[in-house]
Amino acid sequence: KQWYQRRVRGSQALIFADDTKLIREILNMMDKLALEEDLQRVSEWSVANNMVLHQSMFQVLSYRLGRSALLQEMPFYAEVSAYSTSNGELIFPVLDVRDLGVQLSSSRKGPFSTHIALIVRRASLLAGWVFSVFRDRSPSVMLTLYKALIRPILEYCCLVWSPSSTGEIQAIENVQRCFTRRVSGMEGADYWERLRRLNLMSLQRRRQRYALIHARKTYHNLVPDSTGMRKDFEDSGRLRIQLKNVPKYITKADTKRANQLFDSFGVQAYSLWNKLPVEVNSCSTLESFKSALGGFLSSFHDRPPVRGYPVIGNDLVKANRISM
């Protein structure tokens, strides 16, 4: 990776296993040509080191503020958006790219809207298969199948794509709501009561728990810091976390973009962390932290937005909304 960074000029190189990504902010044609040159340099290096890249599999994903359909019909649009490889092939931007199991999208609905729709569909189909194959509806059997087969689909890499819109939160939560409704003994109970009886957290609350656990791991250098963390101590001894570089919030941005910023891991997780009481965030071990965190989270209402149910504020989420 360090060699790649020295080879490219101005672009950011990311490498994992056999996947390579080049990232650059494009403000004008010079930036576009510079990224194209970096792509050429990486391709030349791969040939020189007998690691030829499959240029036919290159993909371009472009995030931009202006999404006018009229702009895309202009004659110069292809020239500006397409990139040329070392063998002369043109790469045009695509709407979706699958990267390490997560679907990235350039849709205005959000960068992970396609991924969320896909995992909801996959989990719903698998839940239907479970009920068609297994006759036993007892909680022990159904929860075992749900936790082993269905819930992992809905939580894989959730720190990356955690939704910000109410509709997406409801769509994910609806999978668990429909599944628990068909468990034996849950007849007539609403979703929140079923969660209590089955000793389950809502999927939204579990994502918040994952974010806090990952924040602690980052704080104690158990995982790489991808957000730029600054550590502080209060007079009470409580550990605090702040971002060194808070993402710039554009006041003219629409509500969706503002929510995506507020609900990103780098903002939400650290804000939640700083609200933990000292007896929780100062735990000496990860296991003791998880235990204390479970008790703390149980003191807040676990009632995420669910279709067909009255909207009741989730105290933990409401307490986490911050101003920038």
C-alpha atoms as a PDB file:
ATOM      1  CA  LYS A   1       0.000   0.000   0.000  1.00  0.00           C
ATOM      2  CA  GLN A   2       2.816   2.446   0.827  1.00  0.00           C
ATOM      3  CA  TRP A   3       4.369   1.757  -2.554  1.00  0.00           C
ATOM      4  CA  TYR A   4       1.057   2.461  -4.262  1.00  0.00           C
ATOM      5  CA  GLN A   5       0.779   5.800  -2.453  1.00  0.00           C
ATOM      6  CA  ARG A   6       4.266   6.749  -3.627  1.00  0.00           C
ATOM      7  CA  ARG A   7       3.431   5.678  -7.179  1.00  0.00           C
ATOM      8  CA  VAL A   8       0.215   7.654  -7.553  1.00  0.00           C
ATOM      9  CA  ARG A   9       0.207  11.442  -7.384  1.00  0.00           C
ATOM     10  CA  GLY A  10      -2.601  13.138  -5.538  1.00  0.00           C
ATOM     11  CA  SER A  11      -5.003  10.205  -5.509  1.00  0.00           C
ATOM     12  CA  GLN A  12      -5.661   7.978  -2.522  1.00  0.00           C
ATOM     13  CA  ALA A  13      -4.881   4.303  -3.033  1.00  0.00           C
ATOM     14  CA  LEU A  14      -6.740   1.646  -1.039  1.00  0.00           C
ATOM     15  CA  ILE A  15      -5.767  -2.015  -1.212  1.00  0.00           C
ATOM     16  CA  PHE A  16      -7.354  -5.093   0.337  1.00  0.00           C
ATOM     17  CA  ALA A  17      -6.359  -8.583  -0.845  1.00  0.00           C
ATOM     18  CA  ASP A  18      -6.613  -8.401  -4.662  1.00  0.00           C
ATOM     19  CA  ASP A  19      -8.900  -5.350  -4.728  1.00  0.00           C
ATOM     20  CA  THR A  20      -7.411  -1.963  -5.542  1.00  0.00           C
ATOM     21  CA  LYS A  21      -9.188   1.384  -5.439  1.00  0.00           C
ATOM     22  CA  LEU A  22      -8.132   4.874  -6.458  1.00  0.00           C
ATOM     23  CA  ILE A  23     -10.026   7.815  -4.941  1.00  0.00           C
ATOM     24  CA  ARG A  24      -9.776  11.454  -5.870  1.00  0.00           C
ATOM     25  CA  GLU A  25     -11.895  14.570  -5.614  1.00  0.00           C
ATOM     26  CA  ILE A  26     -12.701  15.849  -9.094  1.00  0.00           C
ATOM     27  CA  LEU A  27     -13.204  19.599  -9.272  1.00  0.00           C
ATOM     28  CA  ASN A  28     -12.088  20.244 -12.864  1.00  0.00           C
ATOM     29  CA  MET A  29     -10.680  18.545 -15.959  1.00  0.00           C
ATOM     30  CA  MET A  30      -7.150  18.696 -14.548  1.00  0.00           C
ATOM     31  CA  ASP A  31      -8.240  16.546 -11.591  1.00  0.00           C
ATOM     32  CA  LYS A  32      -9.926  14.116 -13.958  1.00  0.00           C
ATOM     33  CA  LEU A  33      -6.788  13.813 -16.102  1.00  0.00           C
ATOM     34  CA  ALA A  34      -4.619  13.408 -12.980  1.00  0.00           C
ATOM     35  CA  LEU A  35      -6.750  10.479 -11.794  1.00  0.00           C
ATOM     36  CA  GLU A  36      -6.536   8.950 -15.241  1.00  0.00           C
ATOM     37  CA  GLU A  37      -2.740   9.256 -15.148  1.00  0.00           C
ATOM     38  CA  ASP A  38      -2.628   7.576 -11.736  1.00  0.00           C
ATOM     39  CA  LEU A  39      -4.677   4.730 -13.182  1.00  0.00           C
ATOM     40  CA  GLN A  40      -2.166   4.418 -16.013  1.00  0.00           C
ATOM     41  CA  ARG A  41       0.757   4.324 -13.569  1.00  0.00           C
ATOM     42  CA  VAL A  42      -0.809   1.549 -11.506  1.00  0.00           C
ATOM     43  CA  SER A  43      -1.526  -0.457 -14.665  1.00  0.00           C
ATOM     44  CA  GLU A  44       2.073  -0.018 -15.891  1.00  0.00           C
ATOM     45  CA  TRP A  45       3.425  -1.105 -12.506  1.00  0.00           C
ATOM     46  CA  SER A  46       1.232  -4.231 -12.519  1.00  0.00           C
ATOM     47  CA  VAL A  47       2.556  -5.242 -15.960  1.00  0.00           C
ATOM     48  CA  ALA A  48       6.167  -4.656 -14.925  1.00  0.00           C
ATOM     49  CA  ASN A  49       5.696  -6.851 -11.863  1.00  0.00           C
ATOM     50  CA  ASN A  50       3.787  -9.660 -13.625  1.00  0.00           C
ATOM     51  CA  MET A  51       0.567  -8.778 -11.802  1.00  0.00           C
ATOM     52  CA  VAL A  52      -1.559  -7.789 -14.762  1.00  0.00           C
ATOM     53  CA  LEU A  53      -4.834  -6.171 -13.736  1.00  0.00           C
ATOM     54  CA  HIS A  54      -8.042  -7.175 -15.492  1.00  0.00           C
ATOM     55  CA  GLN A  55      -8.809  -3.857 -17.108  1.00  0.00           C
ATOM     56  CA  SER A  56     -12.097  -5.169 -18.477  1.00  0.00           C
ATOM     57  CA  MET A  57     -13.265  -5.381 -14.855  1.00  0.00           C
ATOM     58  CA  PHE A  58     -12.397  -1.778 -13.960  1.00  0.00           C
ATOM     59  CA  GLN A  59     -15.372   0.215 -12.687  1.00  0.00           C
ATOM     60  CA  VAL A  60     -15.956   3.881 -11.939  1.00  0.00           C
ATOM     61  CA  LEU A  61     -18.320   5.059  -9.224  1.00  0.00           C
ATOM     62  CA  SER A  62     -18.954   8.804  -9.173  1.00  0.00           C
ATOM     63  CA  TYR A  63     -20.541  10.735  -6.312  1.00  0.00           C
ATOM     64  CA  ARG A  64     -21.646  14.187  -7.320  1.00  0.00           C
ATOM     65  CA  LEU A  65     -23.975  16.903  -6.101  1.00  0.00           C
ATOM     66  CA  GLY A  66     -25.485  17.779  -9.481  1.00  0.00           C
ATOM     67  CA  ARG A  67     -27.619  14.923 -10.800  1.00  0.00           C
ATOM     68  CA  SER A  68     -29.513  16.691 -13.558  1.00  0.00           C
ATOM     69  CA  ALA A  69     -30.684  14.310 -16.275  1.00  0.00           C
ATOM     70  CA  LEU A  70     -30.241  17.139 -18.787  1.00  0.00           C
ATOM     71  CA  LEU A  71     -26.551  17.394 -17.891  1.00  0.00           C
ATOM     72  CA  GLN A  72     -26.020  13.723 -18.718  1.00  0.00           C
ATOM     73  CA  GLU A  73     -27.480  14.283 -22.204  1.00  0.00           C
ATOM     74  CA  MET A  74     -24.980  17.011 -23.067  1.00  0.00           C
ATOM     75  CA  PRO A  75     -22.388  16.011 -25.728  1.00  0.00           C
ATOM     76  CA  PHE A  76     -19.429  16.683 -23.439  1.00  0.00           C
ATOM     77  CA  TYR A  77     -20.712  14.517 -20.562  1.00  0.00           C
ATOM     78  CA  ALA A  78     -19.109  11.277 -21.820  1.00  0.00           C
ATOM     79  CA  GLU A  79     -15.761  13.009 -22.276  1.00  0.00           C
ATOM     80  CA  VAL A  80     -15.833  14.362 -18.736  1.00  0.00           C
ATOM     81  CA  SER A  81     -17.096  11.225 -16.979  1.00  0.00           C
ATOM     82  CA  ALA A  82     -15.320   8.435 -18.902  1.00  0.00           C
ATOM     83  CA  TYR A  83     -11.795   7.263 -18.076  1.00  0.00           C
ATOM     84  CA  SER A  84      -9.316   5.639 -20.407  1.00  0.00           C
ATOM     85  CA  THR A  85      -7.214   2.600 -19.453  1.00  0.00           C
ATOM     86  CA  SER A  86      -3.709   1.845 -20.656  1.00  0.00           C
ATOM     87  CA  ASN A  87      -5.040  -0.490 -23.368  1.00  0.00           C
ATOM     88  CA  GLY A  88      -7.397   2.183 -24.716  1.00  0.00           C
ATOM     89  CA  GLU A  89     -10.656   0.946 -23.204  1.00  0.00           C
ATOM     90  CA  LEU A  90     -13.121   3.518 -21.899  1.00  0.00           C
ATOM     91  CA  ILE A  91     -14.612   3.092 -18.422  1.00  0.00           C
ATOM     92  CA  PHE A  92     -17.957   4.772 -17.884  1.00  0.00           C
ATOM     93  CA  PRO A  93     -19.497   5.448 -14.462  1.00  0.00           C
ATOM     94  CA  VAL A  94     -21.890   2.813 -13.153  1.00  0.00           C
ATOM     95  CA  LEU A  95     -24.733   3.179 -10.668  1.00  0.00           C
ATOM     96  CA  ASP A  96     -23.729   0.330  -8.355  1.00  0.00           C
ATOM     97  CA  VAL A  97     -20.486  -1.423  -7.416  1.00  0.00           C
ATOM     98  CA  ARG A  98     -20.096  -4.413  -5.100  1.00  0.00           C
ATOM     99  CA  ASP A  99     -17.101  -3.989  -2.815  1.00  0.00           C
ATOM    100  CA  LEU A 100     -16.215  -6.696  -0.263  1.00  0.00           C
ATOM    101  CA  GLY A 101     -19.846  -7.773   0.067  1.00  0.00           C
ATOM    102  CA  VAL A 102     -21.307  -4.266   0.325  1.00  0.00           C
ATOM    103  CA  GLN A 103     -23.174  -2.691  -2.577  1.00  0.00           C
ATOM    104  CA  LEU A 104     -22.108   0.921  -3.140  1.00  0.00           C
ATOM    105  CA  SER A 105     -24.481   3.145  -5.092  1.00  0.00           C
ATOM    106  CA  SER A 106     -24.284   6.585  -6.659  1.00  0.00           C
ATOM    107  CA  SER A 107     -28.056   6.921  -6.414  1.00  0.00           C
ATOM    108  CA  ARG A 108     -29.485  10.115  -4.962  1.00  0.00           C
ATOM    109  CA  LYS A 109     -31.393   7.937  -2.481  1.00  0.00           C
ATOM    110  CA  GLY A 110     -28.109   7.319  -0.709  1.00  0.00           C
ATOM    111  CA  PRO A 111     -24.789   5.496  -1.179  1.00  0.00           C
ATOM    112  CA  PHE A 112     -26.146   2.310   0.435  1.00  0.00           C
ATOM    113  CA  SER A 113     -29.798   2.390  -0.632  1.00  0.00           C
ATOM    114  CA  THR A 114     -29.268  -0.456  -3.111  1.00  0.00           C
ATOM    115  CA  HIS A 115     -27.409  -2.545  -0.521  1.00  0.00           C
ATOM    116  CA  ILE A 116     -30.155  -2.123   2.076  1.00  0.00           C
ATOM    117  CA  ALA A 117     -32.844  -3.100  -0.446  1.00  0.00           C
ATOM    118  CA  LEU A 118     -30.837  -6.203  -1.431  1.00  0.00           C
ATOM    119  CA  ILE A 119     -30.209  -7.473   2.095  1.00  0.00           C
ATOM    120  CA  VAL A 120     -33.852  -6.909   3.076  1.00  0.00           C
ATOM    121  CA  ARG A 121     -34.943  -8.958   0.073  1.00  0.00           C
ATOM    122  CA  ARG A 122     -32.402 -11.734   0.738  1.00  0.00           C
ATOM    123  CA  ALA A 123     -33.297 -11.951   4.420  1.00  0.00           C
ATOM    124  CA  SER A 124     -37.042 -11.968   3.668  1.00  0.00           C
ATOM    125  CA  LEU A 125     -36.661 -14.769   1.125  1.00  0.00           C
ATOM    126  CA  LEU A 126     -34.563 -16.810   3.540  1.00  0.00           C
ATOM    127  CA  ALA A 127     -37.105 -16.266   6.318  1.00  0.00           C
ATOM    128  CA  GLY A 128     -39.809 -17.582   3.979  1.00  0.00           C
ATOM    129  CA  TRP A 129     -37.678 -20.638   3.254  1.00  0.00           C
ATOM    130  CA  VAL A 130     -37.216 -21.303   6.991  1.00  0.00           C
ATOM    131  CA  PHE A 131     -40.968 -21.280   7.620  1.00  0.00           C
ATOM    132  CA  SER A 132     -41.615 -23.500   4.604  1.00  0.00           C
ATOM    133  CA  VAL A 133     -39.066 -26.144   5.667  1.00  0.00           C
ATOM    134  CA  PHE A 134     -39.303 -26.228   9.479  1.00  0.00           C
ATOM    135  CA  ARG A 135     -42.603 -27.037  11.139  1.00  0.00           C
ATOM    136  CA  ASP A 136     -41.409 -26.450  14.681  1.00  0.00           C
ATOM    137  CA  ARG A 137     -42.298 -22.864  15.630  1.00  0.00           C
ATOM    138  CA  SER A 138     -40.960 -22.993  19.184  1.00  0.00           C
ATOM    139  CA  PRO A 139     -38.872 -19.980  20.255  1.00  0.00           C
ATOM    140  CA  SER A 140     -35.707 -22.037  20.787  1.00  0.00           C
ATOM    141  CA  VAL A 141     -35.763 -23.468  17.244  1.00  0.00           C
ATOM    142  CA  MET A 142     -36.915 -20.315  15.493  1.00  0.00           C
ATOM    143  CA  LEU A 143     -34.454 -18.031  17.287  1.00  0.00           C
ATOM    144  CA  THR A 144     -31.581 -20.407  16.567  1.00  0.00           C
ATOM    145  CA  LEU A 145     -32.396 -20.360  12.857  1.00  0.00           C
ATOM    146  CA  TYR A 146     -32.980 -16.618  12.850  1.00  0.00           C
ATOM    147  CA  LYS A 147     -29.708 -15.790  14.591  1.00  0.00           C
ATOM    148  CA  ALA A 148     -27.685 -18.236  12.489  1.00  0.00           C
ATOM    149  CA  LEU A 149     -29.142 -17.613   9.018  1.00  0.00           C
ATOM    150  CA  ILE A 150     -31.123 -14.404   8.762  1.00  0.00           C
ATOM    151  CA  ARG A 151     -29.841 -11.785  11.170  1.00  0.00           C
ATOM    152  CA  PRO A 152     -26.207 -11.975   9.935  1.00  0.00           C
ATOM    153  CA  ILE A 153     -27.420 -10.879   6.489  1.00  0.00           C
ATOM    154  CA  LEU A 154     -28.989  -7.783   8.019  1.00  0.00           C
ATOM    155  CA  GLU A 155     -25.924  -6.883  10.086  1.00  0.00           C
ATOM    156  CA  TYR A 156     -22.899  -7.630   7.901  1.00  0.00           C
ATOM    157  CA  CYS A 157     -20.725  -4.473   7.805  1.00  0.00           C
ATOM    158  CA  CYS A 158     -23.567  -2.462   9.354  1.00  0.00           C
ATOM    159  CA  LEU A 159     -21.096   0.093  10.714  1.00  0.00           C
ATOM    160  CA  VAL A 160     -20.460   1.095   7.112  1.00  0.00           C
ATOM    161  CA  TRP A 161     -24.003   1.288   5.757  1.00  0.00           C
ATOM    162  CA  SER A 162     -26.110   1.984   8.891  1.00  0.00           C
ATOM    163  CA  PRO A 163     -29.253   3.718   7.541  1.00  0.00           C
ATOM    164  CA  SER A 164     -30.270   7.265   8.320  1.00  0.00           C
ATOM    165  CA  SER A 165     -33.724   7.442   6.729  1.00  0.00           C
ATOM    166  CA  THR A 166     -36.811   6.267   8.589  1.00  0.00           C
ATOM    167  CA  GLY A 167     -37.949   4.239   5.582  1.00  0.00           C
ATOM    168  CA  GLU A 168     -34.751   2.188   5.453  1.00  0.00           C
ATOM    169  CA  ILE A 169     -34.748   1.656   9.228  1.00  0.00           C
ATOM    170  CA  GLN A 170     -38.336   0.414   8.979  1.00  0.00           C
ATOM    171  CA  ALA A 171     -37.557  -1.878   6.030  1.00  0.00           C
ATOM    172  CA  ILE A 172     -34.739  -3.610   7.932  1.00  0.00           C
ATOM    173  CA  GLU A 173     -36.709  -3.809  11.172  1.00  0.00           C
ATOM    174  CA  ASN A 174     -39.704  -5.239   9.319  1.00  0.00           C
ATOM    175  CA  VAL A 175     -37.805  -8.471   8.611  1.00  0.00           C
ATOM    176  CA  GLN A 176     -37.383  -9.182  12.327  1.00  0.00           C
ATOM    177  CA  ARG A 177     -40.927  -7.970  13.075  1.00  0.00           C
ATOM    178  CA  CYS A 178     -42.483 -10.387  10.571  1.00  0.00           C
ATOM    179  CA  PHE A 179     -40.296 -13.277  11.716  1.00  0.00           C
ATOM    180  CA  THR A 180     -41.063 -12.913  15.433  1.00  0.00           C
ATOM    181  CA  ARG A 181     -44.777 -12.654  14.694  1.00  0.00           C
ATOM    182  CA  ARG A 182     -44.801 -16.275  13.476  1.00  0.00           C
ATOM    183  CA  VAL A 183     -42.981 -17.694  16.518  1.00  0.00           C
ATOM    184  CA  SER A 184     -45.112 -19.899  18.754  1.00  0.00           C
ATOM    185  CA  GLY A 185     -46.536 -18.096  21.775  1.00  0.00           C
ATOM    186  CA  MET A 186     -46.240 -14.613  20.264  1.00  0.00           C
ATOM    187  CA  GLU A 187     -49.833 -14.457  19.039  1.00  0.00           C
ATOM    188  CA  GLY A 188     -51.534 -11.161  19.877  1.00  0.00           C
ATOM    189  CA  ALA A 189     -48.364  -9.450  21.164  1.00  0.00           C
ATOM    190  CA  ASP A 190     -47.117  -6.303  19.474  1.00  0.00           C
ATOM    191  CA  TYR A 191     -43.560  -6.105  18.161  1.00  0.00           C
ATOM    192  CA  TRP A 192     -42.096  -4.393  21.189  1.00  0.00           C
ATOM    193  CA  GLU A 193     -43.658  -6.968  23.521  1.00  0.00           C
ATOM    194  CA  ARG A 194     -42.322  -9.789  21.362  1.00  0.00           C
ATOM    195  CA  LEU A 195     -38.811  -8.337  21.653  1.00  0.00           C
ATOM    196  CA  ARG A 196     -39.146  -8.350  25.432  1.00  0.00           C
ATOM    197  CA  ARG A 197     -40.485 -11.908  25.621  1.00  0.00           C
ATOM    198  CA  LEU A 198     -37.866 -13.308  23.223  1.00  0.00           C
ATOM    199  CA  ASN A 199     -35.047 -11.321  24.856  1.00  0.00           C
ATOM    200  CA  LEU A 200     -34.121  -9.644  21.578  1.00  0.00           C
ATOM    201  CA  MET A 201     -32.885  -6.159  20.798  1.00  0.00           C
ATOM    202  CA  SER A 202     -34.256  -4.248  17.862  1.00  0.00           C
ATOM    203  CA  LEU A 203     -31.897  -4.240  14.902  1.00  0.00           C
ATOM    204  CA  GLN A 204     -31.473  -0.495  15.268  1.00  0.00           C
ATOM    205  CA  ARG A 205     -30.390  -0.872  18.894  1.00  0.00           C
ATOM    206  CA  ARG A 206     -27.939  -3.632  17.927  1.00  0.00           C
ATOM    207  CA  ARG A 207     -26.341  -1.328  15.344  1.00  0.00           C
ATOM    208  CA  GLN A 208     -25.900   1.317  18.028  1.00  0.00           C
ATOM    209  CA  ARG A 209     -24.324  -1.306  20.303  1.00  0.00           C
ATOM    210  CA  TYR A 210     -21.906  -2.376  17.548  1.00  0.00           C
ATOM    211  CA  ALA A 211     -20.933   1.257  16.973  1.00  0.00           C
ATOM    212  CA  LEU A 212     -20.099   1.757  20.657  1.00  0.00           C
ATOM    213  CA  ILE A 213     -18.097  -1.474  20.850  1.00  0.00           C
ATOM    214  CA  HIS A 214     -16.121  -0.512  17.741  1.00  0.00           C
ATOM    215  CA  ALA A 215     -15.511   2.970  19.166  1.00  0.00           C
ATOM    216  CA  ARG A 216     -14.012   1.392  22.295  1.00  0.00           C
ATOM    217  CA  LYS A 217     -11.838  -0.927  20.210  1.00  0.00           C
ATOM    218  CA  THR A 218     -10.628   2.071  18.228  1.00  0.00           C
ATOM    219  CA  TYR A 219      -9.946   4.011  21.425  1.00  0.00           C
ATOM    220  CA  HIS A 220      -7.778   1.209  22.820  1.00  0.00           C
ATOM    221  CA  ASN A 221      -6.017   0.595  19.475  1.00  0.00           C
ATOM    222  CA  LEU A 222      -7.531  -2.866  19.032  1.00  0.00           C
ATOM    223  CA  VAL A 223      -8.591  -1.967  15.483  1.00  0.00           C
ATOM    224  CA  PRO A 224      -7.206   0.614  13.019  1.00  0.00           C
ATOM    225  CA  ASP A 225      -8.492   4.153  13.436  1.00  0.00           C
ATOM    226  CA  SER A 226     -10.218   5.069  10.173  1.00  0.00           C
ATOM    227  CA  THR A 227     -11.884   8.258  11.432  1.00  0.00           C
ATOM    228  CA  GLY A 228      -9.167  10.347  13.080  1.00  0.00           C
ATOM    229  CA  MET A 229      -9.803  10.106  16.828  1.00  0.00           C
ATOM    230  CA  ARG A 230      -8.722  12.590  19.467  1.00  0.00           C
ATOM    231  CA  LYS A 231      -8.759  11.327  23.069  1.00  0.00           C
ATOM    232  CA  ASP A 232      -9.545  13.501  26.052  1.00  0.00           C
ATOM    233  CA  PHE A 233     -10.164  13.060  29.782  1.00  0.00           C
ATOM    234  CA  GLU A 234     -12.764  14.851  31.853  1.00  0.00           C
ATOM    235  CA  ASP A 235     -12.166  15.850  35.462  1.00  0.00           C
ATOM    236  CA  SER A 236     -14.464  12.985  36.496  1.00  0.00           C
ATOM    237  CA  GLY A 237     -12.148  10.489  34.812  1.00  0.00           C
ATOM    238  CA  ARG A 238     -14.558   9.714  31.980  1.00  0.00           C
ATOM    239  CA  LEU A 239     -12.910   9.005  28.643  1.00  0.00           C
ATOM    240  CA  ARG A 240     -14.039  11.235  25.805  1.00  0.00           C
ATOM    241  CA  ILE A 241     -13.602  10.900  22.043  1.00  0.00           C
ATOM    242  CA  GLN A 242     -13.680  13.613  19.415  1.00  0.00           C
ATOM    243  CA  LEU A 243     -12.997  13.676  15.709  1.00  0.00           C
ATOM    244  CA  LYS A 244      -9.838  15.473  14.675  1.00  0.00           C
ATOM    245  CA  ASN A 245     -11.435  16.452  11.395  1.00  0.00           C
ATOM    246  CA  VAL A 246     -15.217  16.733  11.613  1.00  0.00           C
ATOM    247  CA  PRO A 247     -16.750  16.338   8.123  1.00  0.00           C
ATOM    248  CA  LYS A 248     -17.785  19.704   6.749  1.00  0.00           C
ATOM    249  CA  TYR A 249     -21.516  20.285   7.050  1.00  0.00           C
ATOM    250  CA  ILE A 250     -22.949  22.362   4.211  1.00  0.00           C
ATOM    251  CA  THR A 251     -25.833  24.404   5.588  1.00  0.00           C
ATOM    252  CA  LYS A 252     -27.535  24.464   2.194  1.00  0.00           C
ATOM    253  CA  ALA A 253     -27.516  20.677   1.928  1.00  0.00           C
ATOM    254  CA  ASP A 254     -30.866  18.915   1.930  1.00  0.00           C
ATOM    255  CA  THR A 255     -32.174  17.037   4.965  1.00  0.00           C
ATOM    256  CA  LYS A 256     -31.153  13.640   3.581  1.00  0.00           C
ATOM    257  CA  ARG A 257     -27.512  14.644   3.273  1.00  0.00           C
ATOM    258  CA  ALA A 258     -27.547  16.202   6.737  1.00  0.00           C
ATOM    259  CA  ASN A 259     -28.969  12.993   8.221  1.00  0.00           C
ATOM    260  CA  GLN A 260     -26.332  10.925   6.427  1.00  0.00           C
ATOM    261  CA  LEU A 261     -23.647  13.055   8.043  1.00  0.00           C
ATOM    262  CA  PHE A 262     -25.191  12.954  11.521  1.00  0.00           C
ATOM    263  CA  ASP A 263     -25.753   9.186  11.358  1.00  0.00           C
ATOM    264  CA  SER A 264     -22.323   8.312   9.966  1.00  0.00           C
ATOM    265  CA  PHE A 265     -20.133   6.202  12.216  1.00  0.00           C
ATOM    266  CA  GLY A 266     -17.587   8.940  12.795  1.00  0.00           C
ATOM    267  CA  VAL A 267     -20.230  11.302  14.201  1.00  0.00           C
ATOM    268  CA  GLN A 268     -22.858   9.058  15.793  1.00  0.00           C
ATOM    269  CA  ALA A 269     -20.648   6.472  17.483  1.00  0.00           C
ATOM    270  CA  TYR A 270     -18.384   9.016  19.147  1.00  0.00           C
ATOM    271  CA  SER A 271     -21.326  11.157  20.204  1.00  0.00           C
ATOM    272  CA  LEU A 272     -22.977   8.100  21.771  1.00  0.00           C
ATOM    273  CA  TRP A 273     -19.701   7.161  23.440  1.00  0.00           C
ATOM    274  CA  ASN A 274     -19.402  10.576  25.079  1.00  0.00           C
ATOM    275  CA  LYS A 275     -22.851  10.124  26.638  1.00  0.00           C
ATOM    276  CA  LEU A 276     -21.886   6.874  28.387  1.00  0.00           C
ATOM    277  CA  PRO A 277     -21.565   7.129  32.169  1.00  0.00           C
ATOM    278  CA  VAL A 278     -18.078   6.811  33.636  1.00  0.00           C
ATOM    279  CA  GLU A 279     -18.790   3.351  35.066  1.00  0.00           C
ATOM    280  CA  VAL A 280     -19.425   2.082  31.524  1.00  0.00           C
ATOM    281  CA  ASN A 281     -16.785   3.678  29.310  1.00  0.00           C
ATOM    282  CA  SER A 282     -13.995   3.239  31.849  1.00  0.00           C
ATOM    283  CA  CYS A 283     -14.359  -0.561  32.080  1.00  0.00           C
ATOM    284  CA  SER A 284     -10.967  -2.221  32.050  1.00  0.00           C
ATOM    285  CA  THR A 285     -11.775  -5.103  29.683  1.00  0.00           C
ATOM    286  CA  LEU A 286     -13.845  -5.485  26.545  1.00  0.00           C
ATOM    287  CA  GLU A 287     -16.051  -8.163  28.090  1.00  0.00           C
ATOM    288  CA  SER A 288     -16.818  -6.045  31.160  1.00  0.00           C
ATOM    289  CA  PHE A 289     -17.568  -3.124  28.856  1.00  0.00           C
ATOM    290  CA  LYS A 290     -20.042  -5.211  26.849  1.00  0.00           C
ATOM    291  CA  SER A 291     -21.775  -6.325  30.029  1.00  0.00           C
ATOM    292  CA  ALA A 292     -22.012  -2.792  31.433  1.00  0.00           C
ATOM    293  CA  LEU A 293     -23.115  -1.461  28.048  1.00  0.00           C
ATOM    294  CA  GLY A 294     -25.959  -3.976  27.899  1.00  0.00           C
ATOM    295  CA  GLY A 295     -27.268  -2.768  31.227  1.00  0.00           C
ATOM    296  CA  PHE A 296     -26.990   0.875  30.188  1.00  0.00           C
ATOM    297  CA  LEU A 297     -28.795   0.340  26.878  1.00  0.00           C
ATOM    298  CA  SER A 298     -31.620  -1.531  28.594  1.00  0.00           C
ATOM    299  CA  SER A 299     -32.453   1.651  30.542  1.00  0.00           C
ATOM    300  CA  PHE A 300     -33.576   3.324  27.294  1.00  0.00           C
ATOM    301  CA  HIS A 301     -36.764   2.547  25.387  1.00  0.00           C
ATOM    302  CA  ASP A 302     -35.989   0.179  22.516  1.00  0.00           C
ATOM    303  CA  ARG A 303     -38.800   1.214  20.191  1.00  0.00           C
ATOM    304  CA  PRO A 304     -37.473   2.020  16.723  1.00  0.00           C
ATOM    305  CA  PRO A 305     -39.792   3.264  13.966  1.00  0.00           C
ATOM    306  CA  VAL A 306     -41.853   0.327  12.702  1.00  0.00           C
ATOM    307  CA  ARG A 307     -44.454   0.319   9.957  1.00  0.00           C
ATOM    308  CA  GLY A 308     -47.986   0.257  11.271  1.00  0.00           C
ATOM    309  CA  TYR A 309     -46.971   1.264  14.809  1.00  0.00           C
ATOM    310  CA  PRO A 310     -47.268   4.702  16.411  1.00  0.00           C
ATOM    311  CA  VAL A 311     -44.028   6.668  16.381  1.00  0.00           C
ATOM    312  CA  ILE A 312     -42.561   6.664  19.889  1.00  0.00           C
ATOM    313  CA  GLY A 313     -39.239   8.423  20.311  1.00  0.00           C
ATOM    314  CA  ASN A 314     -36.197   6.261  20.880  1.00  0.00           C
ATOM    315  CA  ASP A 315     -34.571   8.065  23.815  1.00  0.00           C
ATOM    316  CA  LEU A 316     -31.073   6.905  22.911  1.00  0.00           C
ATOM    317  CA  VAL A 317     -31.354   8.219  19.353  1.00  0.00           C
ATOM    318  CA  LYS A 318     -32.939  11.484  20.469  1.00  0.00           C
ATOM    319  CA  ALA A 319     -30.216  12.036  23.035  1.00  0.00           C
ATOM    320  CA  ASN A 320     -27.591  11.471  20.365  1.00  0.00           C
ATOM    321  CA  ARG A 321     -28.710  14.165  17.924  1.00  0.00           C
ATOM    322  CA  ILE A 322     -26.047  16.845  17.982  1.00  0.00           C
ATOM    323  CA  SER A 323     -25.584  20.200  16.344  1.00  0.00           C
ATOM    324  CA  MET A 324     -22.595  21.099  14.204  1.00  0.00           C
END
